[in-house]
Amino acid sequence: MIARLVGKLAETTADSAILDVNGVGYLVQASARTLDALGPVGGDVTILTELQVREDGWTLFGFGSTGEREAFRQLTSVQGVGGRVALAILSVLDPGELAAAVSSGDKAMVARANGVGPKLAQRIVNELAGKLGSPALAGTIGASAPRGGAAADALSALANLGFKPAEASAAVAAANEELGADATLDALVRLALKKAAR
């Protein structure tokens, strides 16, 4: 299982990116939201991934946050929702907006995505009810995953301590924002733990 890639952004298209990881180019399908957040070609990138293995091939999907990856996993658990349709939904709605749409039964909001008709939108709303967390957490669910360095290590540390991915990502993102890009791993983990405990 490939859970994360750290490398240089080699190329982007409308729906994918190629990451150069020590000379190996990984083709990663991603939402428009994640692709926009990657930055310029040639820059350092950390991207969370989900590998889907099917009879006709392997597909690597990439995400800018743990919340987005979790929403993708929930979406693809719904019959009729493949990886590309899930990414289309996440291009239109961030994980918090998706949780809000599902909890309020707003199938029209979900149907805004390409390839999602009214029947499929209704099925998504029905099947994911109660599975995406509280829409009150909308601001934290979609918190951007740290791009690398101490922030990525802090995220890993919180995950190893048993925090859910969305909680860990939100806490580390908040700590990283407060302490700045030059924060040490120790300082980030301490502040993230305080924020996660609130």
Protein backbone atom coordinates (compact mmCIF):
# COMPACT_ATOMS: atom_id res chain seq x y z
CA MET A 1 0.00 0.00 0.00
CA ILE A 2 1.35 3.42 -0.95
CA ALA A 3 0.07 5.92 1.64
CA ARG A 4 2.18 8.98 0.89
CA LEU A 5 4.61 10.32 -1.69
CA VAL A 6 7.30 12.94 -1.10
CA GLY A 7 9.12 14.28 -4.12
CA LYS A 8 9.24 16.95 -6.80
CA LEU A 9 6.30 17.94 -8.95
CA ALA A 10 7.32 16.99 -12.50
CA GLU A 11 4.11 17.71 -14.42
CA THR A 12 0.40 18.45 -13.99
CA THR A 13 -2.64 17.97 -16.24
CA ALA A 14 -6.32 18.80 -15.75
CA ASP A 15 -6.88 15.75 -13.53
CA SER A 16 -3.47 14.35 -12.57
CA ALA A 17 0.10 15.07 -11.56
CA ILE A 18 3.41 13.26 -11.98
CA LEU A 19 5.62 13.23 -8.90
CA ASP A 20 9.31 12.44 -9.25
CA VAL A 21 10.33 10.41 -6.19
CA ASN A 22 14.05 9.60 -6.38
CA GLY A 23 13.93 9.27 -10.16
CA VAL A 24 10.66 7.31 -10.32
CA GLY A 25 7.67 9.18 -11.78
CA TYR A 26 4.35 8.39 -10.09
CA LEU A 27 1.16 9.30 -11.97
CA VAL A 28 -1.38 10.46 -9.38
CA GLN A 29 -5.04 11.23 -10.14
CA ALA A 30 -6.26 14.13 -7.99
CA SER A 31 -9.10 16.59 -7.47
CA ALA A 32 -8.85 20.08 -8.95
CA ARG A 33 -8.60 21.39 -5.37
CA THR A 34 -5.53 19.25 -4.61
CA LEU A 35 -3.87 19.99 -7.96
CA ASP A 36 -4.30 23.74 -7.38
CA ALA A 37 -2.60 23.43 -3.99
CA LEU A 38 0.49 21.58 -5.27
CA GLY A 39 2.35 24.70 -6.33
CA PRO A 40 4.69 25.17 -9.29
CA VAL A 41 6.34 22.41 -11.32
CA GLY A 42 9.76 21.61 -9.85
CA GLY A 43 8.67 22.33 -6.27
CA ASP A 44 8.82 19.90 -3.36
CA VAL A 45 5.50 18.13 -2.74
CA THR A 46 4.06 15.81 -0.12
CA ILE A 47 0.84 14.14 -1.16
CA LEU A 48 -1.29 11.56 0.64
CA THR A 49 -2.35 8.66 -1.57
CA GLU A 50 -4.77 5.79 -1.98
CA LEU A 51 -3.93 2.90 -4.31
CA GLN A 52 -6.78 1.11 -6.07
CA VAL A 53 -5.98 -2.23 -7.66
CA ARG A 54 -8.38 -3.57 -10.27
CA GLU A 55 -8.20 -6.24 -12.99
CA ASP A 56 -7.45 -3.63 -15.65
CA GLY A 57 -4.72 -1.80 -13.75
CA TRP A 58 -3.50 0.07 -10.70
CA THR A 59 -4.53 3.67 -10.08
CA LEU A 60 -2.93 5.99 -7.56
CA PHE A 61 -5.16 8.78 -6.21
CA GLY A 62 -3.67 11.78 -4.41
CA PHE A 63 -5.02 14.11 -1.72
CA GLY A 64 -4.01 17.38 -0.10
CA SER A 65 -5.45 16.46 3.31
CA THR A 66 -6.36 13.43 5.40
CA GLY A 67 -9.94 14.72 5.44
CA GLU A 68 -10.09 14.63 1.65
CA ARG A 69 -8.66 11.10 1.54
CA GLU A 70 -11.18 9.89 4.13
CA ALA A 71 -14.06 11.50 2.19
CA PHE A 72 -12.76 9.76 -0.97
CA ARG A 73 -12.77 6.40 0.82
CA GLN A 74 -16.34 6.93 2.01
CA LEU A 75 -17.50 8.07 -1.42
CA THR A 76 -15.98 5.07 -3.20
CA SER A 77 -17.76 2.75 -0.75
CA VAL A 78 -21.04 3.83 -2.38
CA GLN A 79 -22.17 1.60 -5.25
CA GLY A 80 -21.71 3.39 -8.56
CA VAL A 81 -19.06 5.80 -7.29
CA GLY A 82 -15.63 5.05 -8.71
CA GLY A 83 -12.42 6.94 -8.08
CA ARG A 84 -12.91 9.46 -10.89
CA VAL A 85 -16.47 10.32 -9.82
CA ALA A 86 -15.30 10.70 -6.21
CA LEU A 87 -12.57 13.12 -7.36
CA ALA A 88 -15.13 15.05 -9.42
CA ILE A 89 -17.24 15.47 -6.26
CA LEU A 90 -14.21 16.53 -4.21
CA SER A 91 -13.28 19.04 -6.92
CA VAL A 92 -16.63 20.77 -6.33
CA LEU A 93 -17.06 20.21 -2.56
CA ASP A 94 -14.35 20.11 0.10
CA PRO A 95 -14.81 17.41 2.79
CA GLY A 96 -16.59 19.82 5.15
CA GLU A 97 -19.01 20.97 2.45
CA LEU A 98 -19.67 17.34 1.50
CA ALA A 99 -20.39 16.46 5.15
CA ALA A 100 -22.78 19.41 5.39
CA ALA A 101 -24.56 18.44 2.16
CA VAL A 102 -24.95 14.82 3.31
CA SER A 103 -26.15 15.73 6.81
CA SER A 104 -28.77 18.14 5.41
CA GLY A 105 -29.82 15.72 2.66
CA ASP A 106 -28.86 18.24 -0.04
CA LYS A 107 -28.57 15.95 -3.08
CA ALA A 108 -28.57 18.96 -5.45
CA MET A 109 -25.28 20.11 -3.92
CA VAL A 110 -23.70 16.69 -4.57
CA ALA A 111 -25.16 16.55 -8.09
CA ARG A 112 -23.15 19.67 -9.06
CA ALA A 113 -20.19 17.39 -9.78
CA ASN A 114 -19.58 16.12 -13.32
CA GLY A 115 -20.91 12.59 -13.79
CA VAL A 116 -23.27 12.67 -10.81
CA GLY A 117 -26.95 12.50 -11.67
CA PRO A 118 -29.89 12.95 -9.26
CA LYS A 119 -30.24 9.22 -8.51
CA LEU A 120 -26.55 8.76 -7.70
CA ALA A 121 -26.54 11.96 -5.63
CA GLN A 122 -29.51 10.64 -3.63
CA ARG A 123 -27.74 7.31 -3.07
CA ILE A 124 -24.59 9.12 -1.86
CA VAL A 125 -26.60 11.27 0.57
CA ASN A 126 -28.52 8.23 1.88
CA GLU A 127 -25.54 5.88 2.26
CA LEU A 128 -23.11 8.39 3.76
CA ALA A 129 -25.51 9.86 6.30
CA GLY A 130 -23.74 9.77 9.68
CA LYS A 131 -20.44 8.55 8.20
CA LEU A 132 -18.68 11.82 7.32
CA GLY A 133 -18.55 13.47 10.73
CA SER A 134 -20.20 16.64 11.90
CA PRO A 135 -20.56 19.55 9.48
CA ALA A 136 -19.64 21.73 12.46
CA LEU A 137 -16.10 20.45 11.88
CA ALA A 138 -16.21 21.68 8.27
CA GLY A 139 -13.35 24.11 8.87
CA THR A 140 -11.08 21.42 10.32
CA ILE A 141 -12.00 18.41 8.21
CA GLY A 142 -10.58 19.95 5.07
CA ALA A 143 -7.50 21.40 6.72
CA SER A 144 -4.57 21.11 4.35
CA ALA A 145 -2.09 18.38 5.00
CA PRO A 146 1.36 19.71 5.85
CA ARG A 147 3.59 19.82 2.77
CA GLY A 148 6.63 18.15 4.33
CA GLY A 149 9.38 18.52 6.91
CA ALA A 150 8.52 18.90 10.59
CA ALA A 151 4.79 19.33 9.90
CA ALA A 152 4.55 15.99 8.07
CA ASP A 153 6.50 14.30 10.87
CA ALA A 154 4.18 15.88 13.46
CA LEU A 155 1.17 14.56 11.53
CA SER A 156 2.71 11.09 11.57
CA ALA A 157 3.42 11.38 15.31
CA LEU A 158 -0.20 12.24 16.12
CA ALA A 159 -1.46 9.43 13.90
CA ASN A 160 0.84 7.00 15.75
CA LEU A 161 -0.63 8.23 19.04
CA GLY A 162 -4.06 7.12 17.85
CA PHE A 163 -5.60 10.38 16.65
CA LYS A 164 -8.00 10.09 13.74
CA PRO A 165 -6.53 11.41 10.47
CA ALA A 166 -8.91 14.39 10.28
CA GLU A 167 -8.19 15.37 13.92
CA ALA A 168 -4.43 15.02 13.49
CA SER A 169 -4.40 16.99 10.24
CA ALA A 170 -6.51 19.81 11.68
CA ALA A 171 -4.41 20.04 14.87
CA VAL A 172 -1.08 20.04 13.03
CA ALA A 173 -2.33 22.55 10.45
CA ALA A 174 -3.49 24.88 13.25
CA ALA A 175 -0.20 24.48 15.15
CA ASN A 176 1.81 25.01 11.96
CA GLU A 177 -0.13 28.19 11.17
CA GLU A 178 0.43 29.54 14.70
CA LEU A 179 4.14 28.67 14.92
CA GLY A 180 5.15 29.37 11.33
CA ALA A 181 7.19 27.45 8.77
CA ASP A 182 10.37 27.40 10.89
CA ALA A 183 8.78 25.55 13.85
CA THR A 184 10.67 22.55 15.24
CA LEU A 185 9.10 19.10 15.32
CA ASP A 186 9.01 19.13 19.13
CA ALA A 187 7.19 22.47 19.28
CA LEU A 188 4.73 21.44 16.57
CA VAL A 189 3.84 18.14 18.26
CA ARG A 190 3.35 19.80 21.67
CA LEU A 191 1.08 22.54 20.32
CA ALA A 192 -0.82 20.11 18.05
CA LEU A 193 -1.48 17.84 21.04
CA LYS A 194 -2.88 20.79 23.00
CA LYS A 195 -5.10 21.79 20.09
CA ALA A 196 -6.30 18.22 19.52
CA ALA A 197 -7.18 17.85 23.22
CA ARG A 198 -9.49 20.91 23.20
